[in-house]
N, C-alpha and C. Protein backbone atom coordinates (compact mmCIF):
# COMPACT_ATOMS: atom_id res chain seq x y z
N MET A 1 18.86 -13.57 13.98
CA MET A 1 17.69 -13.90 14.73
C MET A 1 16.85 -14.84 13.89
N SER A 2 16.41 -15.94 14.42
CA SER A 2 15.57 -16.87 13.69
C SER A 2 14.14 -16.78 14.19
N ALA A 3 13.24 -17.47 13.51
CA ALA A 3 11.83 -17.44 13.89
C ALA A 3 11.63 -18.00 15.29
N ALA A 4 12.54 -18.85 15.76
CA ALA A 4 12.41 -19.45 17.08
C ALA A 4 12.90 -18.53 18.19
N ASP A 5 13.57 -17.47 17.86
CA ASP A 5 14.11 -16.52 18.83
C ASP A 5 12.96 -15.78 19.51
N PRO A 6 12.86 -15.84 20.86
CA PRO A 6 11.74 -15.19 21.53
C PRO A 6 11.73 -13.67 21.33
N ALA A 7 12.90 -13.06 21.06
CA ALA A 7 12.94 -11.62 20.82
C ALA A 7 12.35 -11.27 19.45
N GLY A 8 12.26 -12.24 18.57
CA GLY A 8 11.72 -12.03 17.23
C GLY A 8 10.24 -12.31 17.19
N VAL A 9 9.46 -11.50 17.90
CA VAL A 9 8.02 -11.70 17.94
C VAL A 9 7.50 -11.72 16.50
N PRO A 10 6.77 -12.79 16.13
CA PRO A 10 6.37 -12.91 14.74
C PRO A 10 5.27 -11.93 14.33
N PHE A 11 5.38 -11.52 13.09
CA PHE A 11 4.35 -10.77 12.40
C PHE A 11 3.62 -11.81 11.56
N HIS A 12 2.31 -11.86 11.63
CA HIS A 12 1.55 -12.83 10.86
C HIS A 12 1.05 -12.18 9.58
N LEU A 13 1.67 -12.55 8.47
CA LEU A 13 1.30 -12.05 7.16
C LEU A 13 0.18 -12.94 6.63
N LEU A 14 -0.99 -12.35 6.40
CA LEU A 14 -2.14 -13.10 5.91
C LEU A 14 -2.21 -12.99 4.40
N LEU A 15 -2.17 -14.16 3.73
CA LEU A 15 -2.08 -14.20 2.27
C LEU A 15 -3.13 -15.11 1.67
N ASP A 16 -3.73 -14.67 0.56
CA ASP A 16 -4.57 -15.58 -0.21
C ASP A 16 -3.65 -16.37 -1.15
N ALA A 17 -4.21 -17.28 -1.91
CA ALA A 17 -3.40 -18.17 -2.75
C ALA A 17 -2.57 -17.39 -3.78
N ASP A 18 -3.17 -16.40 -4.43
CA ASP A 18 -2.42 -15.61 -5.43
C ASP A 18 -1.28 -14.83 -4.79
N GLU A 19 -1.55 -14.24 -3.64
CA GLU A 19 -0.52 -13.48 -2.94
C GLU A 19 0.62 -14.39 -2.50
N ALA A 20 0.28 -15.57 -1.98
CA ALA A 20 1.30 -16.53 -1.54
C ALA A 20 2.18 -16.95 -2.71
N ARG A 21 1.57 -17.19 -3.86
CA ARG A 21 2.33 -17.56 -5.05
C ARG A 21 3.31 -16.44 -5.43
N CYS A 22 2.85 -15.21 -5.40
CA CYS A 22 3.70 -14.06 -5.76
C CYS A 22 4.84 -13.87 -4.75
N VAL A 23 4.55 -14.06 -3.47
CA VAL A 23 5.60 -13.93 -2.44
C VAL A 23 6.64 -15.03 -2.63
N ARG A 24 6.18 -16.24 -2.89
CA ARG A 24 7.10 -17.36 -3.12
C ARG A 24 8.02 -17.06 -4.31
N THR A 25 7.44 -16.58 -5.40
CA THR A 25 8.23 -16.22 -6.59
C THR A 25 9.24 -15.13 -6.26
N ALA A 26 8.80 -14.10 -5.55
CA ALA A 26 9.69 -12.99 -5.21
C ALA A 26 10.86 -13.46 -4.35
N LEU A 27 10.58 -14.30 -3.36
CA LEU A 27 11.66 -14.80 -2.50
C LEU A 27 12.61 -15.71 -3.28
N ASN A 28 12.07 -16.54 -4.15
CA ASN A 28 12.93 -17.41 -4.97
C ASN A 28 13.81 -16.59 -5.91
N LEU A 29 13.27 -15.51 -6.48
CA LEU A 29 14.08 -14.65 -7.34
C LEU A 29 15.18 -13.96 -6.53
N LEU A 30 14.85 -13.56 -5.32
CA LEU A 30 15.86 -12.94 -4.45
C LEU A 30 16.98 -13.95 -4.16
N LEU A 31 16.61 -15.19 -3.89
CA LEU A 31 17.60 -16.23 -3.62
C LEU A 31 18.45 -16.55 -4.84
N ALA A 32 17.89 -16.40 -6.02
CA ALA A 32 18.60 -16.73 -7.25
C ALA A 32 19.71 -15.73 -7.57
N GLU A 33 19.62 -14.54 -7.01
CA GLU A 33 20.65 -13.54 -7.25
C GLU A 33 21.88 -13.84 -6.39
N ASP A 34 23.04 -13.68 -6.97
CA ASP A 34 24.29 -13.98 -6.26
C ASP A 34 24.89 -12.77 -5.55
N THR A 35 24.25 -11.63 -5.64
CA THR A 35 24.86 -10.40 -5.16
C THR A 35 24.54 -10.06 -3.72
N HIS A 36 23.77 -10.90 -3.04
CA HIS A 36 23.31 -10.54 -1.70
C HIS A 36 24.30 -10.91 -0.61
N GLU A 37 24.26 -10.12 0.46
CA GLU A 37 25.08 -10.35 1.63
C GLU A 37 24.71 -11.69 2.28
N PRO A 38 25.63 -12.33 2.99
CA PRO A 38 25.36 -13.63 3.60
C PRO A 38 24.10 -13.71 4.48
N PRO A 39 23.74 -12.72 5.30
CA PRO A 39 22.56 -12.94 6.14
C PRO A 39 21.24 -12.96 5.36
N ILE A 40 21.24 -12.45 4.16
CA ILE A 40 19.98 -12.36 3.41
C ILE A 40 19.49 -13.72 2.96
N ARG A 41 20.36 -14.55 2.46
CA ARG A 41 19.95 -15.86 1.92
C ARG A 41 19.30 -16.75 2.98
N PRO A 42 19.91 -16.91 4.17
CA PRO A 42 19.24 -17.74 5.18
C PRO A 42 17.88 -17.18 5.61
N LEU A 43 17.78 -15.86 5.70
CA LEU A 43 16.51 -15.25 6.08
C LEU A 43 15.45 -15.47 5.01
N ALA A 44 15.84 -15.39 3.75
CA ALA A 44 14.90 -15.65 2.66
C ALA A 44 14.45 -17.11 2.70
N ARG A 45 15.38 -18.01 2.98
CA ARG A 45 15.02 -19.44 3.09
C ARG A 45 14.07 -19.68 4.26
N GLU A 46 14.31 -19.00 5.38
CA GLU A 46 13.42 -19.12 6.55
C GLU A 46 12.02 -18.60 6.22
N ALA A 47 11.95 -17.48 5.50
CA ALA A 47 10.65 -16.92 5.12
C ALA A 47 9.92 -17.88 4.18
N LEU A 48 10.65 -18.47 3.25
CA LEU A 48 10.04 -19.46 2.35
C LEU A 48 9.54 -20.68 3.13
N ALA A 49 10.33 -21.13 4.10
CA ALA A 49 9.92 -22.28 4.92
C ALA A 49 8.65 -21.94 5.71
N ALA A 50 8.57 -20.74 6.26
CA ALA A 50 7.37 -20.33 6.98
C ALA A 50 6.16 -20.30 6.05
N LEU A 51 6.37 -19.84 4.84
CA LEU A 51 5.29 -19.82 3.84
C LEU A 51 4.87 -21.24 3.48
N ASP A 52 5.84 -22.13 3.27
CA ASP A 52 5.54 -23.52 2.93
C ASP A 52 4.86 -24.27 4.07
N ASP A 53 5.18 -23.92 5.32
CA ASP A 53 4.61 -24.60 6.48
C ASP A 53 3.23 -24.08 6.86
N ALA A 54 2.85 -22.92 6.37
CA ALA A 54 1.56 -22.32 6.74
C ALA A 54 0.42 -23.13 6.15
N GLU A 55 -0.57 -23.39 6.97
CA GLU A 55 -1.76 -24.13 6.55
C GLU A 55 -2.90 -23.15 6.30
N PRO A 56 -3.61 -23.30 5.18
CA PRO A 56 -4.72 -22.38 4.92
C PRO A 56 -5.87 -22.61 5.90
N ASP A 57 -6.55 -21.52 6.26
CA ASP A 57 -7.73 -21.65 7.11
C ASP A 57 -8.93 -22.05 6.24
N GLU A 58 -10.11 -22.03 6.82
CA GLU A 58 -11.31 -22.47 6.09
C GLU A 58 -11.62 -21.58 4.88
N ARG A 59 -11.11 -20.37 4.85
CA ARG A 59 -11.30 -19.47 3.71
C ARG A 59 -10.15 -19.55 2.72
N GLY A 60 -9.14 -20.38 3.00
CA GLY A 60 -7.98 -20.51 2.13
C GLY A 60 -6.90 -19.48 2.39
N VAL A 61 -6.99 -18.76 3.52
CA VAL A 61 -6.02 -17.73 3.86
C VAL A 61 -4.89 -18.35 4.67
N LEU A 62 -3.66 -18.04 4.26
CA LEU A 62 -2.48 -18.51 4.99
C LEU A 62 -2.06 -17.44 5.99
N SER A 63 -1.71 -17.86 7.20
CA SER A 63 -1.13 -16.96 8.19
C SER A 63 0.34 -17.35 8.31
N VAL A 64 1.20 -16.51 7.78
CA VAL A 64 2.64 -16.81 7.71
C VAL A 64 3.35 -16.03 8.81
N PRO A 65 3.85 -16.74 9.85
CA PRO A 65 4.56 -16.04 10.92
C PRO A 65 5.99 -15.68 10.49
N LEU A 66 6.32 -14.41 10.58
CA LEU A 66 7.64 -13.94 10.17
C LEU A 66 8.26 -13.14 11.31
N ALA A 67 9.49 -13.50 11.68
CA ALA A 67 10.25 -12.69 12.63
C ALA A 67 10.60 -11.39 11.90
N PRO A 68 10.91 -10.32 12.64
CA PRO A 68 11.20 -9.04 11.98
C PRO A 68 12.21 -9.11 10.84
N PRO A 69 13.35 -9.79 10.98
CA PRO A 69 14.29 -9.85 9.84
C PRO A 69 13.70 -10.58 8.62
N GLN A 70 12.92 -11.62 8.86
CA GLN A 70 12.28 -12.34 7.76
C GLN A 70 11.24 -11.45 7.08
N MET A 71 10.53 -10.67 7.89
CA MET A 71 9.55 -9.74 7.36
C MET A 71 10.24 -8.71 6.46
N LYS A 72 11.39 -8.22 6.91
CA LYS A 72 12.14 -7.22 6.13
C LYS A 72 12.58 -7.82 4.80
N ILE A 73 13.10 -9.04 4.81
CA ILE A 73 13.55 -9.69 3.58
C ILE A 73 12.37 -9.95 2.66
N THR A 74 11.24 -10.35 3.23
CA THR A 74 10.04 -10.57 2.42
C THR A 74 9.58 -9.27 1.78
N HIS A 75 9.58 -8.20 2.55
CA HIS A 75 9.22 -6.89 2.01
C HIS A 75 10.16 -6.50 0.87
N THR A 76 11.45 -6.69 1.07
CA THR A 76 12.44 -6.35 0.05
C THR A 76 12.19 -7.16 -1.23
N ALA A 77 11.97 -8.45 -1.08
CA ALA A 77 11.75 -9.32 -2.25
C ALA A 77 10.49 -8.91 -3.00
N VAL A 78 9.42 -8.67 -2.28
CA VAL A 78 8.15 -8.30 -2.91
C VAL A 78 8.27 -6.94 -3.59
N LYS A 79 8.91 -6.00 -2.92
CA LYS A 79 9.07 -4.65 -3.49
C LYS A 79 9.92 -4.70 -4.76
N LEU A 80 11.01 -5.46 -4.73
CA LEU A 80 11.84 -5.61 -5.93
C LEU A 80 11.05 -6.23 -7.08
N ARG A 81 10.29 -7.27 -6.77
CA ARG A 81 9.47 -7.93 -7.81
C ARG A 81 8.41 -6.98 -8.35
N PHE A 82 7.78 -6.22 -7.46
CA PHE A 82 6.77 -5.25 -7.88
C PHE A 82 7.41 -4.20 -8.81
N ASP A 83 8.56 -3.68 -8.41
CA ASP A 83 9.23 -2.65 -9.21
C ASP A 83 9.69 -3.18 -10.57
N ASP A 84 10.00 -4.48 -10.65
CA ASP A 84 10.46 -5.08 -11.90
C ASP A 84 9.33 -5.56 -12.80
N SER A 85 8.11 -5.64 -12.26
CA SER A 85 6.99 -6.15 -13.05
C SER A 85 6.52 -5.09 -14.05
N ARG A 86 5.84 -5.56 -15.08
CA ARG A 86 5.38 -4.68 -16.15
C ARG A 86 3.87 -4.57 -16.12
N ARG A 87 3.38 -3.61 -16.86
CA ARG A 87 1.92 -3.41 -16.93
C ARG A 87 1.20 -4.64 -17.45
N GLU A 88 1.86 -5.41 -18.32
CA GLU A 88 1.22 -6.61 -18.86
C GLU A 88 0.97 -7.65 -17.76
N GLU A 89 1.66 -7.50 -16.66
CA GLU A 89 1.52 -8.42 -15.53
C GLU A 89 0.59 -7.82 -14.47
N ALA A 90 -0.53 -7.30 -14.91
CA ALA A 90 -1.43 -6.54 -14.03
C ALA A 90 -1.91 -7.36 -12.84
N ALA A 91 -2.27 -8.61 -13.05
CA ALA A 91 -2.79 -9.44 -11.95
C ALA A 91 -1.71 -9.66 -10.89
N GLU A 92 -0.48 -9.94 -11.34
CA GLU A 92 0.61 -10.15 -10.40
C GLU A 92 0.95 -8.84 -9.67
N ARG A 93 0.98 -7.74 -10.41
CA ARG A 93 1.25 -6.43 -9.78
C ARG A 93 0.22 -6.12 -8.70
N GLU A 94 -1.04 -6.43 -8.98
CA GLU A 94 -2.10 -6.17 -7.99
C GLU A 94 -1.90 -7.04 -6.75
N ALA A 95 -1.56 -8.32 -6.94
CA ALA A 95 -1.30 -9.20 -5.79
C ALA A 95 -0.10 -8.72 -5.00
N LEU A 96 0.97 -8.31 -5.68
CA LEU A 96 2.15 -7.79 -5.00
C LEU A 96 1.82 -6.51 -4.23
N ARG A 97 1.01 -5.64 -4.82
CA ARG A 97 0.59 -4.40 -4.15
C ARG A 97 -0.20 -4.72 -2.88
N ARG A 98 -1.08 -5.72 -2.95
CA ARG A 98 -1.86 -6.11 -1.76
C ARG A 98 -0.93 -6.61 -0.65
N VAL A 99 0.09 -7.37 -1.02
CA VAL A 99 1.05 -7.86 -0.02
C VAL A 99 1.79 -6.69 0.60
N LEU A 100 2.26 -5.77 -0.22
CA LEU A 100 2.97 -4.60 0.31
C LEU A 100 2.07 -3.79 1.25
N ASP A 101 0.80 -3.70 0.92
CA ASP A 101 -0.14 -2.97 1.78
C ASP A 101 -0.35 -3.66 3.13
N LYS A 102 -0.14 -4.97 3.18
CA LYS A 102 -0.31 -5.73 4.42
C LYS A 102 0.92 -5.66 5.33
N LEU A 103 2.05 -5.33 4.75
CA LEU A 103 3.28 -5.24 5.53
C LEU A 103 3.44 -3.83 6.10
N PRO A 104 4.20 -3.70 7.19
CA PRO A 104 4.47 -2.35 7.71
C PRO A 104 5.15 -1.48 6.66
N ASP A 105 5.12 -0.17 6.88
CA ASP A 105 5.66 0.78 5.90
C ASP A 105 7.19 0.67 5.79
N GLU A 106 7.71 1.34 4.77
CA GLU A 106 9.15 1.27 4.49
C GLU A 106 10.01 1.83 5.61
N HIS A 107 9.53 2.84 6.33
CA HIS A 107 10.30 3.40 7.45
C HIS A 107 10.47 2.35 8.54
N THR A 108 9.43 1.59 8.80
CA THR A 108 9.50 0.50 9.78
C THR A 108 10.48 -0.56 9.31
N MET A 109 10.42 -0.89 8.03
CA MET A 109 11.31 -1.91 7.48
C MET A 109 12.77 -1.48 7.56
N ARG A 110 13.05 -0.23 7.28
CA ARG A 110 14.43 0.25 7.35
C ARG A 110 14.99 0.17 8.78
N ALA A 111 14.12 0.28 9.76
CA ALA A 111 14.57 0.27 11.15
C ALA A 111 14.92 -1.14 11.64
N ILE A 112 14.51 -2.16 10.92
CA ILE A 112 14.81 -3.54 11.33
C ILE A 112 16.24 -3.89 10.93
N ARG A 113 17.00 -4.31 11.92
CA ARG A 113 18.40 -4.70 11.70
C ARG A 113 18.47 -6.18 11.39
N LEU A 114 19.36 -6.56 10.50
CA LEU A 114 19.52 -7.95 10.12
C LEU A 114 20.63 -8.66 10.87
N ASP A 115 21.36 -7.94 11.71
CA ASP A 115 22.47 -8.59 12.44
C ASP A 115 22.09 -8.99 13.82
């Protein structure tokens, strides 16, 4: 399912500049790993494209439209990055935590199918 698919009603993830930077890093790290199943890489690229295409509003907030599979991949990337971050990276951990708080819970994410 792509972002253009009418069944993939977008979730609008609202991000400030720090959060957007952290999401971009998390998605790029996910893409850099060679161990992922084939559907994950295109979805991560689509999520990155949505992030890159989002225009900030007057307050500098980006509204990133994500179809459910893209949202799931974004959640996975952010959660992995959060779990791998260290206490010395407090500012990044806080931004990643804010992003996770903006996304639906893990039970909702598990229910989203990628096929």
